[in-house]
Amino acid sequence: MDFSHLRKLTAFLVGPFVLAACATLVGYDELTVAGGDGSPVTDSRTEAATDGVVTDGGDGGLVASQPPGRPTGDPKPSPTGKTLWFAVKRFRLGSQNAAGVVIDGAWREWGYDIDRVCTSTDDSIKNIGTCRRVAGAKQESLQDGNNCRDNNFGQHVIALARVASDGFEARLVDGTLGGNATLIIKLEDVDEGADDPYVPAKLYSAADLKGLTPKWDGTDVRTVTSDSLIDGTLDKPLTEFPRGYLVGNVWVSGEPGKFTIPVPVADNPALMRLEGGVTTFKLAPDRKSASGGVISGALPLGDIEAVLKPIAISAGLCPGSAFYESTLKTVKQYPDLVSGAPNMQDQSVECNAMSVGLGFDIAPIQPVVKVDPPPTPAPGKCGDAG
């Protein structure tokens, strides 16, 4: 009898908890701006301020990671503002740190403090300060990453994918660097100077370059796929950030809100419909490059499978199989936020949304002028399910 699937399932379900137990805490100075001392989360909790990249919790050591607040000034169009186009060249899903090195606990480096509560391992075990753990979840499942970052997606979902398919994230990064489908970000009305209260943006899905390797030096020509548009026009993408701004050369999508991020995973995009979401990255003063991208938000429980499914298929796990269903059941034990609640948190109810923290690197591209039809779906690895 072949017990390989049983061994694989056991490793898949148990592995993340072994990884978590052995996790190494590493510091990360997010967006290369002043902040994070890299100190691990302690047993004390704090309410973080709403402005600044990091905020001192008042105990001399606990620091919360927040996107910088909107600068002063009238958020209105400028006659001198420029349009800038960028494409994502790398994604960081949770198994790699900012340097691209696979380490246990890399998830701790990504995301923001969504709920403005710093949850230590002890707080998670006692289930204080947050919503109630889902039945069956490990006691440590509510803990935060470095500087109070909320990222149960990286802590659990990507850990599962890593155990099931070693090198999963590295293959995604290599594919994106090599010209696979990715995301395009268009910044509008960017003025000179480090601060600008009005920098709206549009988000698109970029087509695969079909064998061409991008240079990532600003000369690349990319096309947008029509499935990321309304009525097929570039002026009407499915995802926009009309309240974006620039502060200290850090672009911020706006105050936390709802938006969809289609993360390319192999041949299938993982549609993340985030609540309380924000995305940021740092522009170089000359506007010719950018770095330190972060996506943070809450994924409602009902949308978790839409994200898990393409990731599972890419890792060789087919929907409908006992393996997949067990994995889905396990993942649904890890919500740590509350959909629709202020700051996505409510201590009186059971958690029903999962925190997400992703990283990305971007590079400038030529202005996009062409729209392509969506790609023909590749033959599924899992038959009709793929």
Protein backbone atom coordinates (compact mmCIF):
# COMPACT_ATOMS: atom_id res chain seq x y z
CA MET A 1 0.00 0.00 0.00
CA ASP A 2 1.26 3.48 -0.90
CA PHE A 3 1.33 5.70 2.19
CA SER A 4 2.95 8.67 0.44
CA HIS A 5 -0.24 10.76 0.46
CA LEU A 6 -0.76 10.09 4.15
CA ARG A 7 2.80 11.14 4.92
CA LYS A 8 2.36 14.24 2.76
CA LEU A 9 -0.91 15.18 4.49
CA THR A 10 0.65 14.74 7.92
CA ALA A 11 3.59 16.94 6.99
CA PHE A 12 1.28 19.48 5.40
CA LEU A 13 -0.91 19.87 8.46
CA VAL A 14 1.74 19.54 11.17
CA GLY A 15 4.57 21.34 9.42
CA PRO A 16 3.40 24.92 10.00
CA PHE A 17 3.27 24.43 13.73
CA VAL A 18 6.80 23.02 13.73
CA LEU A 19 7.89 25.99 11.62
CA ALA A 20 6.18 28.42 13.97
CA ALA A 21 7.81 26.84 16.99
CA CYS A 22 11.24 27.22 15.41
CA ALA A 23 10.61 30.64 13.89
CA THR A 24 13.49 33.08 13.97
CA LEU A 25 12.56 36.70 14.62
CA VAL A 26 14.34 39.10 12.29
CA GLY A 27 14.18 42.87 12.19
CA TYR A 28 12.90 44.70 9.13
CA ASP A 29 13.04 48.44 8.65
CA GLU A 30 9.96 48.71 6.50
CA LEU A 31 10.05 50.97 3.46
CA THR A 32 13.59 51.97 4.50
CA VAL A 33 12.06 54.74 6.61
CA ALA A 34 12.80 55.29 10.28
CA GLY A 35 11.25 52.70 12.51
CA GLY A 36 11.20 49.05 13.52
CA ASP A 37 13.89 47.96 15.89
CA GLY A 38 13.14 44.33 15.06
CA SER A 39 12.36 43.45 18.67
CA PRO A 40 9.97 40.53 19.07
CA VAL A 41 6.44 40.98 20.29
CA THR A 42 6.35 40.91 24.08
CA ASP A 43 3.64 40.12 26.58
CA SER A 44 2.43 43.71 26.72
CA ARG A 45 -0.14 45.16 24.33
CA THR A 46 -0.69 48.67 23.04
CA GLU A 47 -3.03 50.73 20.97
CA ALA A 48 -1.00 52.07 18.06
CA ALA A 49 -1.35 55.55 16.64
CA THR A 50 -2.85 55.99 13.22
CA ASP A 51 -0.03 57.96 11.66
CA GLY A 52 3.65 57.30 11.08
CA VAL A 53 5.28 54.15 9.74
CA VAL A 54 6.00 52.95 13.26
CA THR A 55 4.73 54.20 16.60
CA ASP A 56 6.20 53.70 20.05
CA GLY A 57 3.82 51.79 22.24
CA GLY A 58 4.94 53.65 25.33
CA ASP A 59 6.78 50.77 26.97
CA GLY A 60 10.13 51.65 25.46
CA GLY A 61 10.33 48.53 23.33
CA LEU A 62 7.06 47.63 21.65
CA VAL A 63 6.69 49.34 18.29
CA ALA A 64 3.68 49.06 15.99
CA SER A 65 3.90 49.21 12.22
CA GLN A 66 1.45 51.60 10.55
CA PRO A 67 1.41 53.24 7.11
CA PRO A 68 2.30 56.95 7.23
CA GLY A 69 -0.67 59.30 7.40
CA ARG A 70 -1.83 61.75 4.74
CA PRO A 71 0.23 64.96 4.58
CA THR A 72 -1.34 68.37 5.05
CA GLY A 73 -2.67 70.20 2.02
CA ASP A 74 -5.66 70.18 -0.29
CA PRO A 75 -6.08 66.76 -1.99
CA LYS A 76 -6.87 68.03 -5.46
CA PRO A 77 -5.39 67.65 -8.97
CA SER A 78 -2.33 69.63 -9.96
CA PRO A 79 -1.64 71.00 -13.45
CA THR A 80 2.00 69.94 -13.18
CA GLY A 81 1.52 66.39 -11.88
CA LYS A 82 3.14 63.50 -13.80
CA THR A 83 1.91 59.97 -14.58
CA LEU A 84 4.19 57.08 -13.60
CA TRP A 85 3.85 53.42 -14.60
CA PHE A 86 5.29 50.50 -12.61
CA ALA A 87 5.10 46.70 -12.78
CA VAL A 88 5.57 44.25 -9.92
CA LYS A 89 8.77 42.26 -10.46
CA ARG A 90 8.73 40.18 -7.27
CA PHE A 91 6.10 39.10 -4.75
CA ARG A 92 6.88 38.15 -1.15
CA LEU A 93 4.12 35.88 0.12
CA GLY A 94 5.53 34.91 3.50
CA SER A 95 8.27 32.31 3.13
CA GLN A 96 10.95 34.80 1.97
CA ASN A 97 12.31 37.82 3.79
CA ALA A 98 12.97 41.22 2.20
CA ALA A 99 16.27 39.95 0.79
CA GLY A 100 14.54 36.99 -0.88
CA VAL A 101 15.96 34.44 1.55
CA VAL A 102 13.71 31.58 2.66
CA ILE A 103 13.64 31.59 6.45
CA ASP A 104 11.28 30.29 9.09
CA GLY A 105 9.23 33.20 10.38
CA ALA A 106 9.62 35.38 7.27
CA TRP A 107 5.89 36.11 7.51
CA ARG A 108 6.67 38.29 10.53
CA GLU A 109 8.25 40.92 8.25
CA TRP A 110 5.21 41.60 6.06
CA GLY A 111 2.04 43.62 6.49
CA TYR A 112 0.86 46.27 8.93
CA ASP A 113 -0.77 46.40 12.35
CA ILE A 114 -4.33 46.26 11.03
CA ASP A 115 -6.27 46.03 14.29
CA ARG A 116 -4.07 48.41 16.34
CA VAL A 117 -3.59 45.72 18.95
CA CYS A 118 -0.23 44.05 19.56
CA THR A 119 -0.92 40.38 20.22
CA SER A 120 1.90 38.44 21.85
CA THR A 121 2.09 34.66 22.02
CA ASP A 122 0.87 34.85 25.62
CA ASP A 123 -2.06 37.09 24.59
CA SER A 124 -2.98 34.60 21.88
CA ILE A 125 -2.88 31.65 24.27
CA LYS A 126 -5.09 33.53 26.76
CA ASN A 127 -7.19 34.93 23.86
CA ILE A 128 -7.23 38.46 25.25
CA GLY A 129 -7.36 41.72 23.29
CA THR A 130 -8.75 40.16 20.11
CA CYS A 131 -11.76 38.32 18.74
CA ARG A 132 -12.36 34.76 19.90
CA ARG A 133 -10.32 32.02 18.24
CA VAL A 134 -12.16 29.72 15.86
CA ALA A 135 -12.83 26.30 17.38
CA GLY A 136 -9.96 23.92 16.75
CA ALA A 137 -7.33 26.60 16.14
CA LYS A 138 -3.98 26.35 17.88
CA GLN A 139 -3.70 28.59 20.92
CA GLU A 140 -0.77 30.49 19.40
CA SER A 141 -2.63 31.19 16.12
CA LEU A 142 -3.51 34.82 16.93
CA GLN A 143 0.03 36.06 17.55
CA ASP A 144 1.40 39.03 15.60
CA GLY A 145 4.62 39.31 13.66
CA ASN A 146 7.38 41.87 14.10
CA ASN A 147 6.19 45.27 15.30
CA CYS A 148 2.61 44.03 15.75
CA ARG A 149 2.15 43.12 12.07
CA ASP A 150 -1.01 41.10 11.41
CA ASN A 151 -0.29 38.34 8.90
CA ASN A 152 -2.03 35.04 9.52
CA PHE A 153 -2.05 34.42 5.76
CA GLY A 154 1.72 34.26 5.67
CA GLN A 155 1.96 32.54 9.04
CA HIS A 156 -0.38 29.69 8.13
CA VAL A 157 -1.50 29.51 4.48
CA ILE A 158 1.92 30.06 2.93
CA ALA A 159 3.52 27.83 5.55
CA LEU A 160 1.15 25.07 4.43
CA ALA A 161 2.01 25.66 0.77
CA ARG A 162 5.71 25.64 1.61
CA VAL A 163 5.48 22.28 3.37
CA ALA A 164 3.45 20.76 0.53
CA SER A 165 5.62 22.18 -2.26
CA ASP A 166 9.09 23.31 -1.27
CA GLY A 167 10.27 26.26 -3.35
CA PHE A 168 6.72 27.36 -4.26
CA GLU A 169 7.37 31.04 -3.64
CA ALA A 170 10.78 31.00 -5.33
CA ARG A 171 9.20 29.60 -8.49
CA LEU A 172 6.60 32.37 -8.44
CA VAL A 173 9.32 35.01 -8.07
CA ASP A 174 11.41 33.50 -10.85
CA GLY A 175 8.40 33.39 -13.15
CA THR A 176 7.46 37.01 -12.52
CA LEU A 177 11.04 38.17 -13.04
CA GLY A 178 11.09 36.17 -16.27
CA GLY A 179 8.03 37.83 -17.75
CA ASN A 180 5.01 35.95 -16.42
CA ALA A 181 1.73 37.72 -15.67
CA THR A 182 2.03 40.34 -12.95
CA LEU A 183 0.45 43.57 -11.69
CA ILE A 184 0.79 47.08 -13.10
CA ILE A 185 0.37 50.21 -10.98
CA LYS A 186 -0.29 53.59 -12.56
CA LEU A 187 0.34 56.63 -10.35
CA GLU A 188 -1.37 59.81 -11.47
CA ASP A 189 -0.73 63.48 -10.74
CA VAL A 190 2.63 63.00 -9.01
CA ASP A 191 4.14 66.37 -8.13
CA GLU A 192 7.72 67.25 -7.20
CA GLY A 193 8.68 66.95 -3.56
CA ALA A 194 8.42 64.27 -0.92
CA ASP A 195 4.80 65.05 0.09
CA ASP A 196 1.70 65.22 -2.09
CA PRO A 197 -1.83 64.85 -0.64
CA TYR A 198 -3.29 63.87 -4.02
CA VAL A 199 -1.75 60.91 -5.90
CA PRO A 200 -4.53 58.60 -7.12
CA ALA A 201 -3.64 55.28 -8.72
CA LYS A 202 -5.01 52.50 -10.89
CA LEU A 203 -4.25 48.78 -10.70
CA TYR A 204 -4.16 46.39 -13.67
CA SER A 205 -3.30 42.80 -14.49
CA ALA A 206 -0.39 42.57 -16.92
CA ALA A 207 -0.26 39.93 -19.64
CA ASP A 208 2.46 37.28 -19.84
CA LEU A 209 5.31 38.34 -22.14
CA LYS A 210 5.20 34.93 -23.82
CA GLY A 211 8.88 34.08 -23.82
CA LEU A 212 10.33 37.59 -23.76
CA THR A 213 12.42 38.43 -20.70
CA PRO A 214 11.85 41.92 -19.25
CA LYS A 215 14.85 44.13 -18.51
CA TRP A 216 13.21 45.90 -15.55
CA ASP A 217 15.06 49.10 -16.43
CA GLY A 218 12.15 51.31 -17.43
CA THR A 219 12.17 50.31 -21.12
CA ASP A 220 9.82 47.32 -20.88
CA VAL A 221 6.54 47.47 -22.78
CA ARG A 222 3.69 45.60 -21.09
CA THR A 223 0.05 45.13 -21.97
CA VAL A 224 -3.02 45.04 -19.74
CA THR A 225 -5.50 42.16 -19.81
CA SER A 226 -9.12 43.09 -20.41
CA ASP A 227 -10.37 41.05 -17.45
CA SER A 228 -8.88 43.70 -15.12
CA LEU A 229 -10.94 46.46 -16.80
CA ILE A 230 -14.53 47.65 -16.93
CA ASP A 231 -15.81 47.90 -20.50
CA GLY A 232 -12.31 47.13 -21.79
CA THR A 233 -10.97 50.65 -21.30
CA LEU A 234 -7.74 51.60 -19.52
CA ASP A 235 -9.48 54.47 -17.76
CA LYS A 236 -11.77 52.05 -15.92
CA PRO A 237 -9.82 49.36 -14.07
CA LEU A 238 -11.59 47.11 -11.62
CA THR A 239 -9.36 48.38 -8.82
CA GLU A 240 -8.59 52.06 -8.22
CA PHE A 241 -7.15 54.09 -5.36
CA PRO A 242 -8.73 57.54 -5.77
CA ARG A 243 -7.51 58.75 -2.35
CA GLY A 244 -3.84 57.85 -2.75
CA TYR A 245 -1.17 60.21 -1.45
CA LEU A 246 2.58 60.62 -1.06
CA VAL A 247 4.32 61.32 2.25
CA GLY A 248 8.07 61.23 2.75
CA ASN A 249 8.27 59.76 -0.77
CA VAL A 250 6.12 56.83 0.42
CA TRP A 251 3.03 56.31 -1.72
CA VAL A 252 -0.02 55.16 0.25
CA SER A 253 -3.22 53.89 -1.37
CA GLY A 254 -5.35 55.92 1.06
CA GLU A 255 -7.08 55.30 4.34
CA PRO A 256 -7.84 51.58 4.97
CA GLY A 257 -10.66 50.36 2.73
CA LYS A 258 -11.92 47.60 0.44
CA PHE A 259 -10.11 46.62 -2.74
CA THR A 260 -9.22 43.52 -4.76
CA ILE A 261 -5.66 42.42 -5.48
CA PRO A 262 -5.31 39.70 -8.16
CA VAL A 263 -2.05 38.02 -7.10
CA PRO A 264 -0.69 35.94 -10.03
CA VAL A 265 -0.03 32.39 -8.87
CA ALA A 266 1.18 30.18 -11.73
CA ASP A 267 -1.63 30.09 -14.33
CA ASN A 268 -4.34 31.19 -11.91
CA PRO A 269 -4.73 34.56 -10.17
CA ALA A 270 -5.58 34.48 -6.48
CA LEU A 271 -8.23 37.18 -6.06
CA MET A 272 -7.76 38.79 -2.67
CA ARG A 273 -10.85 40.87 -1.80
CA LEU A 274 -9.43 42.75 1.15
CA GLU A 275 -11.18 44.80 3.81
CA GLY A 276 -9.37 47.40 5.89
CA GLY A 277 -6.70 47.21 3.21
CA VAL A 278 -3.81 49.47 2.34
CA THR A 279 -0.85 49.20 0.00
CA THR A 280 2.35 51.24 0.09
CA PHE A 281 5.75 51.55 -1.55
CA LYS A 282 8.59 54.06 -1.49
CA LEU A 283 9.42 56.16 -4.54
CA ALA A 284 12.98 57.28 -5.18
CA PRO A 285 13.30 61.09 -5.10
CA ASP A 286 13.99 61.09 -8.87
CA ARG A 287 10.84 58.96 -9.42
CA LYS A 288 12.85 56.51 -11.56
CA SER A 289 12.60 53.57 -9.18
CA ALA A 290 10.62 52.34 -6.18
CA SER A 291 11.08 49.82 -3.38
CA GLY A 292 9.61 48.23 -0.30
CA GLY A 293 6.06 47.44 -1.44
CA VAL A 294 3.57 46.23 1.18
CA ILE A 295 -0.02 44.98 0.86
CA SER A 296 -2.01 44.62 4.07
CA GLY A 297 -5.64 43.86 4.79
CA ALA A 298 -8.23 41.38 6.01
CA LEU A 299 -9.60 38.50 3.95
CA PRO A 300 -13.17 37.56 5.00
CA LEU A 301 -13.67 33.91 5.88
CA GLY A 302 -16.05 33.37 2.95
CA ASP A 303 -13.36 34.48 0.47
CA ILE A 304 -10.52 32.35 1.80
CA GLU A 305 -11.07 29.43 -0.58
CA ALA A 306 -10.96 31.74 -3.62
CA VAL A 307 -7.39 32.57 -2.60
CA LEU A 308 -6.40 29.12 -1.37
CA LYS A 309 -7.59 27.21 -4.44
CA PRO A 310 -5.14 28.55 -7.05
CA ILE A 311 -2.30 28.38 -4.54
CA ALA A 312 -3.18 24.77 -3.71
CA ILE A 313 -3.39 23.81 -7.39
CA SER A 314 0.00 25.38 -8.03
CA ALA A 315 1.37 23.35 -5.13
CA GLY A 316 -0.13 20.16 -6.60
CA LEU A 317 -3.18 19.88 -4.34
CA CYS A 318 -6.39 19.22 -6.23
CA PRO A 319 -9.77 20.59 -5.07
CA GLY A 320 -12.20 17.85 -4.11
CA SER A 321 -9.50 15.53 -2.84
CA ALA A 322 -9.38 14.51 0.81
CA PHE A 323 -6.03 16.23 1.05
CA TYR A 324 -7.41 19.54 -0.25
CA GLU A 325 -10.55 19.44 1.89
CA SER A 326 -8.52 18.74 5.02
CA THR A 327 -6.23 21.63 4.15
CA LEU A 328 -9.17 23.98 3.57
CA LYS A 329 -10.67 22.98 6.91
CA THR A 330 -7.35 23.67 8.61
CA VAL A 331 -6.91 27.07 6.95
CA LYS A 332 -10.40 28.16 8.01
CA GLN A 333 -9.30 27.80 11.64
CA TYR A 334 -6.96 30.78 11.33
CA PRO A 335 -9.05 33.97 11.11
CA ASP A 336 -7.75 36.60 13.54
CA LEU A 337 -9.84 39.68 12.64
CA VAL A 338 -13.51 40.65 12.36
CA SER A 339 -15.04 41.65 9.05
CA GLY A 340 -16.79 45.04 9.15
CA ALA A 341 -15.71 45.92 12.70
CA PRO A 342 -13.86 49.14 13.60
CA ASN A 343 -10.15 48.45 13.04
CA MET A 344 -11.26 44.96 11.98
CA GLN A 345 -11.42 43.85 15.62
CA ASP A 346 -14.17 42.98 18.14
CA GLN A 347 -13.44 41.03 21.33
CA SER A 348 -17.07 39.96 21.75
CA VAL A 349 -17.36 37.78 18.62
CA GLU A 350 -15.59 34.89 16.93
CA CYS A 351 -12.92 35.85 14.41
CA ASN A 352 -14.19 35.70 10.82
CA ALA A 353 -11.47 37.30 8.68
CA MET A 354 -7.81 36.45 8.11
CA SER A 355 -5.07 39.08 8.15
CA VAL A 356 -2.91 39.30 5.03
CA GLY A 357 0.56 40.79 4.71
CA LEU A 358 2.41 40.65 1.38
CA GLY A 359 5.53 42.30 0.06
CA PHE A 360 6.48 43.26 -3.47
CA ASP A 361 9.19 44.96 -5.50
CA ILE A 362 8.37 47.13 -8.50
CA ALA A 363 10.17 48.68 -11.44
CA PRO A 364 9.22 51.43 -13.91
CA ILE A 365 7.82 50.49 -17.32
CA GLN A 366 6.73 52.35 -20.43
CA PRO A 367 3.20 53.83 -20.45
CA VAL A 368 0.67 51.13 -21.27
CA VAL A 369 -1.35 51.69 -24.45
CA LYS A 370 -2.54 48.21 -25.40
CA VAL A 371 -5.20 45.92 -23.99
CA ASP A 372 -5.05 42.15 -24.59
CA PRO A 373 -7.79 39.57 -24.09
CA PRO A 374 -7.35 37.42 -21.00
CA PRO A 375 -5.06 34.43 -21.56
CA THR A 376 -6.52 31.09 -22.58
CA PRO A 377 -6.58 28.94 -19.47
CA ALA A 378 -3.80 26.38 -19.48
CA PRO A 379 -4.74 22.69 -19.10
CA GLY A 380 -5.54 22.24 -15.45
CA LYS A 381 -3.30 20.16 -13.22
CA CYS A 382 -6.43 18.93 -11.51
CA GLY A 383 -8.80 18.36 -14.45
CA ASP A 384 -11.92 20.52 -14.27
CA ALA A 385 -10.85 21.91 -10.88
CA GLY A 386 -7.73 23.51 -12.33
